[in-house]
Amino acid sequence: SRDQLGEFQAQAAIAALHADAPTAAETDWVQIVEWYDE
């Protein structure tokens, strides 16, 4: 929310998307790719 994105925040966002998925099949891979781009 502080809008000062850094590499650890981006990595944490990817980890959070994995953690948020109830199953592996429900993982939001499209958003994960976007975070990898960042």
Full PDB file with SEQRES, HELIX, SHEET, SSBOND, CRYST1, ORIGX, SCALE, CONECT and MASTER records, all heavy atoms in Angstrom:
SEQRES   1 A   38  SER ARG ASP GLN LEU GLY GLU PHE GLN ALA GLN ALA ALA          
SEQRES   2 A   38  ILE ALA ALA LEU HIS ALA ASP ALA PRO THR ALA ALA GLU          
SEQRES   3 A   38  THR ASP TRP VAL GLN ILE VAL GLU TRP TYR ASP GLU              
HELIX    1 AA1 GLU A    7  ASP A   20  1                                  14    
HELIX    2 AA2 ALA A   24  GLU A   26  5                                   3    
HELIX    3 AA3 TRP A   29  ASP A   37  1                                   9    
CRYST1    1.000    1.000    1.000  90.00  90.00  90.00 P 1           1          
ORIGX1      1.000000  0.000000  0.000000        0.00000                         
ORIGX2      0.000000  1.000000  0.000000        0.00000                         
ORIGX3      0.000000  0.000000  1.000000        0.00000                         
SCALE1      1.000000  0.000000  0.000000        0.00000                         
SCALE2      0.000000  1.000000  0.000000        0.00000                         
SCALE3      0.000000  0.000000  1.000000        0.00000                         
ATOM      1  N   SER A   1       0.820  -1.225   0.000  1.00  0.00           N  
ATOM      2  CA  SER A   1       0.000   0.000   0.000  1.00  0.00           C  
ATOM      3  C   SER A   1       0.845   1.263   0.000  1.00  0.00           C  
ATOM      4  O   SER A   1       0.342   2.348  -0.306  1.00  0.00           O  
ATOM      5  CB  SER A   1      -0.927   0.000   1.220  1.00  0.00           C  
ATOM      6  OG  SER A   1      -0.189   0.159   2.426  1.00  0.00           O  
ATOM      7  N   ARG A   2       2.131   1.138   0.328  1.00  0.00           N  
ATOM      8  CA  ARG A   2       3.008   2.311   0.362  1.00  0.00           C  
ATOM      9  C   ARG A   2       3.584   2.631  -1.013  1.00  0.00           C  
ATOM     10  O   ARG A   2       4.280   3.631  -1.185  1.00  0.00           O  
ATOM     11  CB  ARG A   2       4.128   2.079   1.379  1.00  0.00           C  
ATOM     12  CG  ARG A   2       3.571   1.838   2.776  1.00  0.00           C  
ATOM     13  CD  ARG A   2       4.630   1.494   3.783  1.00  0.00           C  
ATOM     14  NE  ARG A   2       5.563   2.587   4.016  1.00  0.00           N  
ATOM     15  CZ  ARG A   2       6.504   2.589   4.943  1.00  0.00           C  
ATOM     16  NH1 ARG A   2       6.631   1.529   5.739  1.00  0.00           N  
ATOM     17  NH2 ARG A   2       7.314   3.602   5.090  1.00  0.00           N  
ATOM     18  N   ASP A   3       3.289   1.786  -2.002  1.00  0.00           N  
ATOM     19  CA  ASP A   3       3.657   2.053  -3.396  1.00  0.00           C  
ATOM     20  C   ASP A   3       5.162   2.294  -3.566  1.00  0.00           C  
ATOM     21  O   ASP A   3       5.589   3.211  -4.268  1.00  0.00           O  
ATOM     22  CB  ASP A   3       2.871   3.260  -3.924  1.00  0.00           C  
ATOM     23  CG  ASP A   3       2.867   3.315  -5.449  1.00  0.00           C  
ATOM     24  OD1 ASP A   3       3.067   2.260  -6.068  1.00  0.00           O  
ATOM     25  OD2 ASP A   3       2.692   4.410  -6.008  1.00  0.00           O  
ATOM     26  N   GLN A   4       5.970   1.458  -2.889  1.00  0.00           N  
ATOM     27  CA  GLN A   4       7.432   1.494  -3.063  1.00  0.00           C  
ATOM     28  C   GLN A   4       7.891   0.062  -3.318  1.00  0.00           C  
ATOM     29  O   GLN A   4       8.610  -0.521  -2.532  1.00  0.00           O  
ATOM     30  CB  GLN A   4       8.109   2.059  -1.818  1.00  0.00           C  
ATOM     31  CG  GLN A   4       7.715   3.482  -1.470  1.00  0.00           C  
ATOM     32  CD  GLN A   4       8.382   3.948  -0.177  1.00  0.00           C  
ATOM     33  OE1 GLN A   4       9.573   3.728   0.050  1.00  0.00           O  
ATOM     34  NE2 GLN A   4       7.621   4.603   0.677  1.00  0.00           N  
ATOM     35  N   LEU A   5       7.470  -0.475  -4.452  1.00  0.00           N  
ATOM     36  CA  LEU A   5       7.681  -1.888  -4.739  1.00  0.00           C  
ATOM     37  C   LEU A   5       9.167  -2.231  -4.827  1.00  0.00           C  
ATOM     38  O   LEU A   5       9.957  -1.508  -5.431  1.00  0.00           O  
ATOM     39  CB  LEU A   5       6.996  -2.263  -6.050  1.00  0.00           C  
ATOM     40  CG  LEU A   5       7.044  -3.747  -6.425  1.00  0.00           C  
ATOM     41  CD1 LEU A   5       6.298  -4.586  -5.393  1.00  0.00           C  
ATOM     42  CD2 LEU A   5       6.463  -3.967  -7.820  1.00  0.00           C  
ATOM     43  N   GLY A   6       9.529  -3.341  -4.209  1.00  0.00           N  
ATOM     44  CA  GLY A   6      10.878  -3.880  -4.274  1.00  0.00           C  
ATOM     45  C   GLY A   6      10.828  -5.368  -4.515  1.00  0.00           C  
ATOM     46  O   GLY A   6       9.756  -5.986  -4.505  1.00  0.00           O  
ATOM     47  N   GLU A   7      12.001  -5.981  -4.695  1.00  0.00           N  
ATOM     48  CA  GLU A   7      12.040  -7.387  -5.084  1.00  0.00           C  
ATOM     49  C   GLU A   7      11.459  -8.316  -4.019  1.00  0.00           C  
ATOM     50  O   GLU A   7      10.817  -9.318  -4.348  1.00  0.00           O  
ATOM     51  CB  GLU A   7      13.468  -7.814  -5.420  1.00  0.00           C  
ATOM     52  CG  GLU A   7      14.463  -7.703  -4.281  1.00  0.00           C  
ATOM     53  CD  GLU A   7      15.813  -8.305  -4.660  1.00  0.00           C  
ATOM     54  OE1 GLU A   7      15.870  -9.522  -4.945  1.00  0.00           O  
ATOM     55  OE2 GLU A   7      16.803  -7.562  -4.658  1.00  0.00           O  
ATOM     56  N   PHE A   8      11.664  -8.003  -2.728  1.00  0.00           N  
ATOM     57  CA  PHE A   8      11.152  -8.899  -1.691  1.00  0.00           C  
ATOM     58  C   PHE A   8       9.633  -8.821  -1.617  1.00  0.00           C  
ATOM     59  O   PHE A   8       8.965  -9.832  -1.365  1.00  0.00           O  
ATOM     60  CB  PHE A   8      11.783  -8.567  -0.342  1.00  0.00           C  
ATOM     61  CG  PHE A   8      13.262  -8.857  -0.291  1.00  0.00           C  
ATOM     62  CD1 PHE A   8      14.159  -7.873   0.066  1.00  0.00           C  
ATOM     63  CD2 PHE A   8      13.744 -10.110  -0.622  1.00  0.00           C  
ATOM     64  CE1 PHE A   8      15.527  -8.130   0.096  1.00  0.00           C  
ATOM     65  CE2 PHE A   8      15.105 -10.385  -0.593  1.00  0.00           C  
ATOM     66  CZ  PHE A   8      16.002  -9.392  -0.233  1.00  0.00           C  
ATOM     67  N   GLN A   9       9.075  -7.649  -1.834  1.00  0.00           N  
ATOM     68  CA  GLN A   9       7.616  -7.533  -1.870  1.00  0.00           C  
ATOM     69  C   GLN A   9       7.048  -8.313  -3.052  1.00  0.00           C  
ATOM     70  O   GLN A   9       6.016  -8.988  -2.926  1.00  0.00           O  
ATOM     71  CB  GLN A   9       7.209  -6.063  -1.972  1.00  0.00           C  
ATOM     72  CG  GLN A   9       7.571  -5.233  -0.752  1.00  0.00           C  
ATOM     73  CD  GLN A   9       7.368  -3.747  -1.018  1.00  0.00           C  
ATOM     74  OE1 GLN A   9       6.239  -3.266  -1.045  1.00  0.00           O  
ATOM     75  NE2 GLN A   9       8.457  -3.013  -1.217  1.00  0.00           N  
ATOM     76  N   ALA A  10       7.713  -8.221  -4.216  1.00  0.00           N  
ATOM     77  CA  ALA A  10       7.238  -8.951  -5.386  1.00  0.00           C  
ATOM     78  C   ALA A  10       7.315 -10.458  -5.168  1.00  0.00           C  
ATOM     79  O   ALA A  10       6.379 -11.200  -5.514  1.00  0.00           O  
ATOM     80  CB  ALA A  10       8.064  -8.552  -6.617  1.00  0.00           C  
ATOM     81  N   GLN A  11       8.397 -10.933  -4.573  1.00  0.00           N  
ATOM     82  CA  GLN A  11       8.503 -12.358  -4.278  1.00  0.00           C  
ATOM     83  C   GLN A  11       7.432 -12.790  -3.272  1.00  0.00           C  
ATOM     84  O   GLN A  11       6.862 -13.885  -3.389  1.00  0.00           O  
ATOM     85  CB  GLN A  11       9.889 -12.680  -3.716  1.00  0.00           C  
ATOM     86  CG  GLN A  11      11.009 -12.620  -4.735  1.00  0.00           C  
ATOM     87  CD  GLN A  11      12.307 -13.145  -4.148  1.00  0.00           C  
ATOM     88  OE1 GLN A  11      12.401 -14.293  -3.728  1.00  0.00           O  
ATOM     89  NE2 GLN A  11      13.322 -12.298  -4.105  1.00  0.00           N  
ATOM     90  N   ALA A  12       7.193 -11.944  -2.288  1.00  0.00           N  
ATOM     91  CA  ALA A  12       6.171 -12.269  -1.294  1.00  0.00           C  
ATOM     92  C   ALA A  12       4.783 -12.325  -1.943  1.00  0.00           C  
ATOM     93  O   ALA A  12       3.945 -13.152  -1.563  1.00  0.00           O  
ATOM     94  CB  ALA A  12       6.188 -11.245  -0.166  1.00  0.00           C  
ATOM     95  N   ALA A  13       4.529 -11.458  -2.914  1.00  0.00           N  
ATOM     96  CA  ALA A  13       3.237 -11.468  -3.607  1.00  0.00           C  
ATOM     97  C   ALA A  13       3.043 -12.791  -4.345  1.00  0.00           C  
ATOM     98  O   ALA A  13       1.936 -13.361  -4.357  1.00  0.00           O  
ATOM     99  CB  ALA A  13       3.158 -10.304  -4.581  1.00  0.00           C  
ATOM    100  N   ILE A  14       4.112 -13.309  -4.953  1.00  0.00           N  
ATOM    101  CA  ILE A  14       4.026 -14.608  -5.634  1.00  0.00           C  
ATOM    102  C   ILE A  14       3.749 -15.712  -4.617  1.00  0.00           C  
ATOM    103  O   ILE A  14       2.887 -16.575  -4.834  1.00  0.00           O  
ATOM    104  CB  ILE A  14       5.332 -14.880  -6.406  1.00  0.00           C  
ATOM    105  CG1 ILE A  14       5.477 -13.879  -7.554  1.00  0.00           C  
ATOM    106  CG2 ILE A  14       5.361 -16.308  -6.933  1.00  0.00           C  
ATOM    107  CD1 ILE A  14       6.842 -13.883  -8.209  1.00  0.00           C  
ATOM    108  N   ALA A  15       4.463 -15.681  -3.498  1.00  0.00           N  
ATOM    109  CA  ALA A  15       4.247 -16.683  -2.455  1.00  0.00           C  
ATOM    110  C   ALA A  15       2.823 -16.605  -1.908  1.00  0.00           C  
ATOM    111  O   ALA A  15       2.211 -17.637  -1.594  1.00  0.00           O  
ATOM    112  CB  ALA A  15       5.259 -16.495  -1.333  1.00  0.00           C  
ATOM    113  N   ALA A  16       2.294 -15.377  -1.790  1.00  0.00           N  
ATOM    114  CA  ALA A  16       0.936 -15.207  -1.268  1.00  0.00           C  
ATOM    115  C   ALA A  16      -0.100 -15.798  -2.220  1.00  0.00           C  
ATOM    116  O   ALA A  16      -1.106 -16.380  -1.780  1.00  0.00           O  
ATOM    117  CB  ALA A  16       0.656 -13.723  -1.033  1.00  0.00           C  
ATOM    118  N   LEU A  17       0.120 -15.668  -3.522  1.00  0.00           N  
ATOM    119  CA  LEU A  17      -0.816 -16.238  -4.496  1.00  0.00           C  
ATOM    120  C   LEU A  17      -0.811 -17.766  -4.413  1.00  0.00           C  
ATOM    121  O   LEU A  17      -1.862 -18.405  -4.541  1.00  0.00           O  
ATOM    122  CB  LEU A  17      -0.456 -15.776  -5.907  1.00  0.00           C  
ATOM    123  CG  LEU A  17      -0.794 -14.308  -6.211  1.00  0.00           C  
ATOM    124  CD1 LEU A  17      -0.140 -13.865  -7.510  1.00  0.00           C  
ATOM    125  CD2 LEU A  17      -2.315 -14.119  -6.291  1.00  0.00           C  
ATOM    126  N   HIS A  18       0.346 -18.357  -4.205  1.00  0.00           N  
ATOM    127  CA  HIS A  18       0.399 -19.809  -4.007  1.00  0.00           C  
ATOM    128  C   HIS A  18      -0.340 -20.198  -2.727  1.00  0.00           C  
ATOM    129  O   HIS A  18      -1.091 -21.174  -2.706  1.00  0.00           O  
ATOM    130  CB  HIS A  18       1.851 -20.274  -3.925  1.00  0.00           C  
ATOM    131  CG  HIS A  18       2.537 -20.371  -5.256  1.00  0.00           C  
ATOM    132  ND1 HIS A  18       2.130 -21.236  -6.250  1.00  0.00           N  
ATOM    133  CD2 HIS A  18       3.624 -19.706  -5.758  1.00  0.00           C  
ATOM    134  CE1 HIS A  18       2.916 -21.105  -7.299  1.00  0.00           C  
ATOM    135  NE2 HIS A  18       3.834 -20.188  -7.025  1.00  0.00           N  
ATOM    136  N   ALA A  19      -0.115 -19.433  -1.668  1.00  0.00           N  
ATOM    137  CA  ALA A  19      -0.726 -19.747  -0.376  1.00  0.00           C  
ATOM    138  C   ALA A  19      -2.243 -19.553  -0.411  1.00  0.00           C  
ATOM    139  O   ALA A  19      -2.971 -20.221   0.333  1.00  0.00           O  
ATOM    140  CB  ALA A  19      -0.110 -18.878   0.715  1.00  0.00           C  
ATOM    141  N   ASP A  20      -2.717 -18.655  -1.262  1.00  0.00           N  
ATOM    142  CA  ASP A  20      -4.140 -18.329  -1.312  1.00  0.00           C  
ATOM    143  C   ASP A  20      -4.957 -19.369  -2.074  1.00  0.00           C  
ATOM    144  O   ASP A  20      -6.171 -19.435  -1.911  1.00  0.00           O  
ATOM    145  CB  ASP A  20      -4.311 -16.952  -1.965  1.00  0.00           C  
ATOM    146  CG  ASP A  20      -5.745 -16.454  -1.896  1.00  0.00           C  
ATOM    147  OD1 ASP A  20      -6.300 -16.396  -0.786  1.00  0.00           O  
ATOM    148  OD2 ASP A  20      -6.312 -16.135  -2.959  1.00  0.00           O  
ATOM    149  N   ALA A  21      -4.284 -20.191  -2.891  1.00  0.00           N  
ATOM    150  CA  ALA A  21      -5.007 -21.161  -3.713  1.00  0.00           C  
ATOM    151  C   ALA A  21      -5.426 -22.373  -2.880  1.00  0.00           C  
ATOM    152  O   ALA A  21      -4.577 -23.024  -2.266  1.00  0.00           O  
ATOM    153  CB  ALA A  21      -4.130 -21.618  -4.875  1.00  0.00           C  
ATOM    154  N   PRO A  22      -6.723 -22.698  -2.829  1.00  0.00           N  
ATOM    155  CA  PRO A  22      -7.172 -23.865  -2.048  1.00  0.00           C  
ATOM    156  C   PRO A  22      -6.561 -25.167  -2.558  1.00  0.00           C  
ATOM    157  O   PRO A  22      -6.287 -26.080  -1.783  1.00  0.00           O  
ATOM    158  CB  PRO A  22      -8.694 -23.857  -2.229  1.00  0.00           C  
ATOM    159  CG  PRO A  22      -9.026 -22.450  -2.640  1.00  0.00           C  
ATOM    160  CD  PRO A  22      -7.846 -21.970  -3.432  1.00  0.00           C  
ATOM    161  N   THR A  23      -6.354 -25.256  -3.882  1.00  0.00           N  
ATOM    162  CA  THR A  23      -5.714 -26.424  -4.491  1.00  0.00           C  
ATOM    163  C   THR A  23      -4.718 -25.930  -5.525  1.00  0.00           C  
ATOM    164  O   THR A  23      -4.769 -24.778  -5.969  1.00  0.00           O  
ATOM    165  CB  THR A  23      -6.744 -27.334  -5.184  1.00  0.00           C  
ATOM    166  OG1 THR A  23      -7.311 -26.633  -6.298  1.00  0.00           O  
ATOM    167  CG2 THR A  23      -7.849 -27.756  -4.234  1.00  0.00           C  
ATOM    168  N   ALA A  24      -3.817 -26.839  -5.942  1.00  0.00           N  
ATOM    169  CA  ALA A  24      -2.829 -26.461  -6.953  1.00  0.00           C  
ATOM    170  C   ALA A  24      -3.511 -26.063  -8.259  1.00  0.00           C  
ATOM    171  O   ALA A  24      -3.063 -25.132  -8.952  1.00  0.00           O  
ATOM    172  CB  ALA A  24      -1.866 -27.627  -7.193  1.00  0.00           C  
ATOM    173  N   ALA A  25      -4.608 -26.744  -8.589  1.00  0.00           N  
ATOM    174  CA  ALA A  25      -5.308 -26.456  -9.838  1.00  0.00           C  
ATOM    175  C   ALA A  25      -5.937 -25.068  -9.849  1.00  0.00           C  
ATOM    176  O   ALA A  25      -6.187 -24.499 -10.924  1.00  0.00           O  
ATOM    177  CB  ALA A  25      -6.374 -27.512 -10.089  1.00  0.00           C  
ATOM    178  N   GLU A  26      -6.219 -24.516  -8.665  1.00  0.00           N  
ATOM    179  CA  GLU A  26      -6.864 -23.204  -8.578  1.00  0.00           C  
ATOM    180  C   GLU A  26      -5.867 -22.052  -8.448  1.00  0.00           C  
ATOM    181  O   GLU A  26      -6.253 -20.911  -8.212  1.00  0.00           O  
ATOM    182  CB  GLU A  26      -7.824 -23.189  -7.387  1.00  0.00           C  
ATOM    183  CG  GLU A  26      -8.971 -24.175  -7.509  1.00  0.00           C  
ATOM    184  CD  GLU A  26      -9.819 -24.241  -6.248  1.00  0.00           C  
ATOM    185  OE1 GLU A  26     -10.742 -23.415  -6.109  1.00  0.00           O  
ATOM    186  OE2 GLU A  26      -9.542 -25.120  -5.406  1.00  0.00           O  
ATOM    187  N   THR A  27      -4.586 -22.326  -8.612  1.00  0.00           N  
ATOM    188  CA  THR A  27      -3.567 -21.286  -8.518  1.00  0.00           C  
ATOM    189  C   THR A  27      -3.744 -20.270  -9.642  1.00  0.00           C  
ATOM    190  O   THR A  27      -3.959 -20.644 -10.802  1.00  0.00           O  
ATOM    191  CB  THR A  27      -2.156 -21.909  -8.614  1.00  0.00           C  
ATOM    192  OG1 THR A  27      -2.010 -22.892  -7.585  1.00  0.00           O  
ATOM    193  CG2 THR A  27      -1.088 -20.841  -8.453  1.00  0.00           C  
ATOM    194  N   ASP A  28      -3.658 -18.995  -9.296  1.00  0.00           N  
ATOM    195  CA  ASP A  28      -3.811 -17.915 -10.291  1.00  0.00           C  
ATOM    196  C   ASP A  28      -2.466 -17.696 -10.998  1.00  0.00           C  
ATOM    197  O   ASP A  28      -1.727 -16.766 -10.705  1.00  0.00           O  
ATOM    198  CB  ASP A  28      -4.270 -16.629  -9.589  1.00  0.00           C  
ATOM    199  CG  ASP A  28      -4.665 -15.536 -10.577  1.00  0.00           C  
ATOM    200  OD1 ASP A  28      -4.352 -15.669 -11.771  1.00  0.00           O  
ATOM    201  OD2 ASP A  28      -5.276 -14.536 -10.138  1.00  0.00           O  
ATOM    202  N   TRP A  29      -2.182 -18.574 -11.961  1.00  0.00           N  
ATOM    203  CA  TRP A  29      -0.893 -18.514 -12.634  1.00  0.00           C  
ATOM    204  C   TRP A  29      -0.734 -17.275 -13.502  1.00  0.00           C  
ATOM    205  O   TRP A  29       0.381 -16.764 -13.678  1.00  0.00           O  
ATOM    206  CB  TRP A  29      -0.697 -19.770 -13.486  1.00  0.00           C  
ATOM    207  CG  TRP A  29      -0.395 -20.981 -12.664  1.00  0.00           C  
ATOM    208  CD1 TRP A  29      -1.220 -22.037 -12.401  1.00  0.00           C  
ATOM    209  CD2 TRP A  29       0.830 -21.259 -11.985  1.00  0.00           C  
ATOM    210  NE1 TRP A  29      -0.603 -22.957 -11.596  1.00  0.00           N  
ATOM    211  CE2 TRP A  29       0.669 -22.514 -11.326  1.00  0.00           C  
ATOM    212  CE3 TRP A  29       2.043 -20.589 -11.858  1.00  0.00           C  
ATOM    213  CZ2 TRP A  29       1.681 -23.088 -10.574  1.00  0.00           C  
ATOM    214  CZ3 TRP A  29       3.050 -21.165 -11.111  1.00  0.00           C  
ATOM    215  CH2 TRP A  29       2.872 -22.396 -10.478  1.00  0.00           C  
ATOM    216  N   VAL A  30      -1.831 -16.769 -14.036  1.00  0.00           N  
ATOM    217  CA  VAL A  30      -1.748 -15.561 -14.866  1.00  0.00           C  
ATOM    218  C   VAL A  30      -1.223 -14.394 -14.038  1.00  0.00           C  
ATOM    219  O   VAL A  30      -0.320 -13.654 -14.472  1.00  0.00           O  
ATOM    220  CB  VAL A  30      -3.122 -15.224 -15.474  1.00  0.00           C  
ATOM    221  CG1 VAL A  30      -3.074 -13.865 -16.189  1.00  0.00           C  
ATOM    222  CG2 VAL A  30      -3.557 -16.317 -16.448  1.00  0.00           C  
ATOM    223  N   GLN A  31      -1.769 -14.224 -12.836  1.00  0.00           N  
ATOM    224  CA  GLN A  31      -1.295 -13.143 -11.974  1.00  0.00           C  
ATOM    225  C   GLN A  31       0.137 -13.392 -11.495  1.00  0.00           C  
ATOM    226  O   GLN A  31       0.923 -12.452 -11.339  1.00  0.00           O  
ATOM    227  CB  GLN A  31      -2.235 -12.971 -10.775  1.00  0.00           C  
ATOM    228  CG  GLN A  31      -1.994 -11.668 -10.028  1.00  0.00           C  
ATOM    229  CD  GLN A  31      -3.033 -11.384  -8.955  1.00  0.00           C  
ATOM    230  OE1 GLN A  31      -2.867 -10.470  -8.154  1.00  0.00           O  
ATOM    231  NE2 GLN A  31      -4.102 -12.163  -8.921  1.00  0.00           N  
ATOM    232  N   ILE A  32       0.491 -14.654 -11.284  1.00  0.00           N  
ATOM    233  CA  ILE A  32       1.857 -14.980 -10.879  1.00  0.00           C  
ATOM    234  C   ILE A  32       2.840 -14.589 -11.977  1.00  0.00           C  
ATOM    235  O   ILE A  32       3.915 -14.047 -11.697  1.00  0.00           O  
ATOM    236  CB  ILE A  32       1.972 -16.484 -10.530  1.00  0.00           C  
ATOM    237  CG1 ILE A  32       1.280 -16.752  -9.186  1.00  0.00           C  
ATOM    238  CG2 ILE A  32       3.433 -16.919 -10.466  1.00  0.00           C  
ATOM    239  CD1 ILE A  32       1.238 -18.213  -8.790  1.00  0.00           C  
ATOM    240  N   VAL A  33       2.475 -14.850 -13.235  1.00  0.00           N  
ATOM    241  CA  VAL A  33       3.344 -14.436 -14.349  1.00  0.00           C  
ATOM    242  C   VAL A  33       3.519 -12.915 -14.347  1.00  0.00           C  
ATOM    243  O   VAL A  33       4.635 -12.399 -14.566  1.00  0.00           O  
ATOM    244  CB  VAL A  33       2.757 -14.903 -15.698  1.00  0.00           C  
ATOM    245  CG1 VAL A  33       3.544 -14.283 -16.867  1.00  0.00           C  
ATOM    246  CG2 VAL A  33       2.801 -16.421 -15.801  1.00  0.00           C  
ATOM    247  N   GLU A  34       2.459 -12.195 -14.067  1.00  0.00           N  
ATOM    248  CA  GLU A  34       2.554 -10.730 -14.028  1.00  0.00           C  
ATOM    249  C   GLU A  34       3.511 -10.273 -12.933  1.00  0.00           C  
ATOM    250  O   GLU A  34       4.295  -9.329 -13.116  1.00  0.00           O  
ATOM    251  CB  GLU A  34       1.159 -10.129 -13.812  1.00  0.00           C  
ATOM    252  CG  GLU A  34       0.219 -10.342 -14.992  1.00  0.00           C  
ATOM    253  CD  GLU A  34      -1.193  -9.869 -14.708  1.00  0.00           C  
ATOM    254  OE1 GLU A  34      -1.449  -9.443 -13.541  1.00  0.00           O  
ATOM    255  OE2 GLU A  34      -2.043  -9.917 -15.624  1.00  0.00           O  
ATOM    256  N   TRP A  35       3.465 -10.942 -11.784  1.00  0.00           N  
ATOM    257  CA  TRP A  35       4.390 -10.583 -10.703  1.00  0.00           C  
ATOM    258  C   TRP A  35       5.820 -10.951 -11.056  1.00  0.00           C  
ATOM    259  O   TRP A  35       6.767 -10.225 -10.700  1.00  0.00           O  
ATOM    260  CB  TRP A  35       3.971 -11.250  -9.393  1.00  0.00           C  
ATOM    261  CG  TRP A  35       2.938 -10.468  -8.643  1.00  0.00           C  
ATOM    262  CD1 TRP A  35       1.629 -10.792  -8.445  1.00  0.00           C  
ATOM    263  CD2 TRP A  35       3.125  -9.200  -8.004  1.00  0.00           C  
ATOM    264  NE1 TRP A  35       0.986  -9.822  -7.723  1.00  0.00           N  
ATOM    265  CE2 TRP A  35       1.886  -8.822  -7.433  1.00  0.00           C  
ATOM    266  CE3 TRP A  35       4.211  -8.345  -7.863  1.00  0.00           C  
ATOM    267  CZ2 TRP A  35       1.711  -7.639  -6.726  1.00  0.00           C  
ATOM    268  CZ3 TRP A  35       4.033  -7.157  -7.148  1.00  0.00           C  
ATOM    269  CH2 TRP A  35       2.800  -6.819  -6.600  1.00  0.00           C  
ATOM    270  N   TYR A  36       5.997 -12.063 -11.776  1.00  0.00           N  
ATOM    271  CA  TYR A  36       7.358 -12.396 -12.231  1.00  0.00           C  
ATOM    272  C   TYR A  36       7.872 -11.354 -13.214  1.00  0.00           C  
ATOM    273  O   TYR A  36       9.072 -11.040 -13.224  1.00  0.00           O  
ATOM    274  CB  TYR A  36       7.385 -13.789 -12.860  1.00  0.00           C  
ATOM    275  CG  TYR A  36       7.672 -14.887 -11.864  1.00  0.00           C  
ATOM    276  CD1 TYR A  36       6.760 -15.920 -11.655  1.00  0.00           C  
ATOM    277  CD2 TYR A  36       8.857 -14.902 -11.133  1.00  0.00           C  
ATOM    278  CE1 TYR A  36       7.021 -16.929 -10.736  1.00  0.00           C  
ATOM    279  CE2 TYR A  36       9.121 -15.910 -10.214  1.00  0.00           C  
ATOM    280  CZ  TYR A  36       8.200 -16.907 -10.021  1.00  0.00           C  
ATOM    281  OH  TYR A  36       8.464 -17.887  -9.107  1.00  0.00           O  
ATOM    282  N   ASP A  37       6.992 -10.817 -14.037  1.00  0.00           N  
ATOM    283  CA  ASP A  37       7.398  -9.742 -14.944  1.00  0.00           C  
ATOM    284  C   ASP A  37       7.881  -8.527 -14.150  1.00  0.00           C  
ATOM    285  O   ASP A  37       8.893  -7.897 -14.501  1.00  0.00           O  
ATOM    286  CB  ASP A  37       6.235  -9.343 -15.859  1.00  0.00           C  
ATOM    287  CG  ASP A  37       5.923 -10.415 -16.889  1.00  0.00           C  
ATOM    288  OD1 ASP A  37       6.810 -11.254 -17.165  1.00  0.00           O  
ATOM    289  OD2 ASP A  37       4.790 -10.434 -17.411  1.00  0.00           O  
ATOM    290  N   GLU A  38       7.158  -8.190 -13.077  1.00  0.00           N  
ATOM    291  CA  GLU A  38       7.585  -7.074 -12.219  1.00  0.00           C  
ATOM    292  C   GLU A  38       8.933  -7.390 -11.566  1.00  0.00           C  
ATOM    293  O   GLU A  38       9.823  -6.537 -11.492  1.00  0.00           O  
ATOM    294  CB  GLU A  38       6.529  -6.828 -11.131  1.00  0.00           C  
ATOM    295  CG  GLU A  38       5.251  -6.178 -11.613  1.00  0.00           C  
ATOM    296  CD  GLU A  38       5.451  -4.709 -11.947  1.00  0.00           C  
ATOM    297  OE1 GLU A  38       6.500  -4.134 -11.576  1.00  0.00           O  
ATOM    298  OE2 GLU A  38       4.565  -4.126 -12.584  1.00  0.00           O  
TER     299      GLU A  38                                                      
MASTER        0    0    0    3    0    0    0    6  298    1    0    3          
END                                                                             
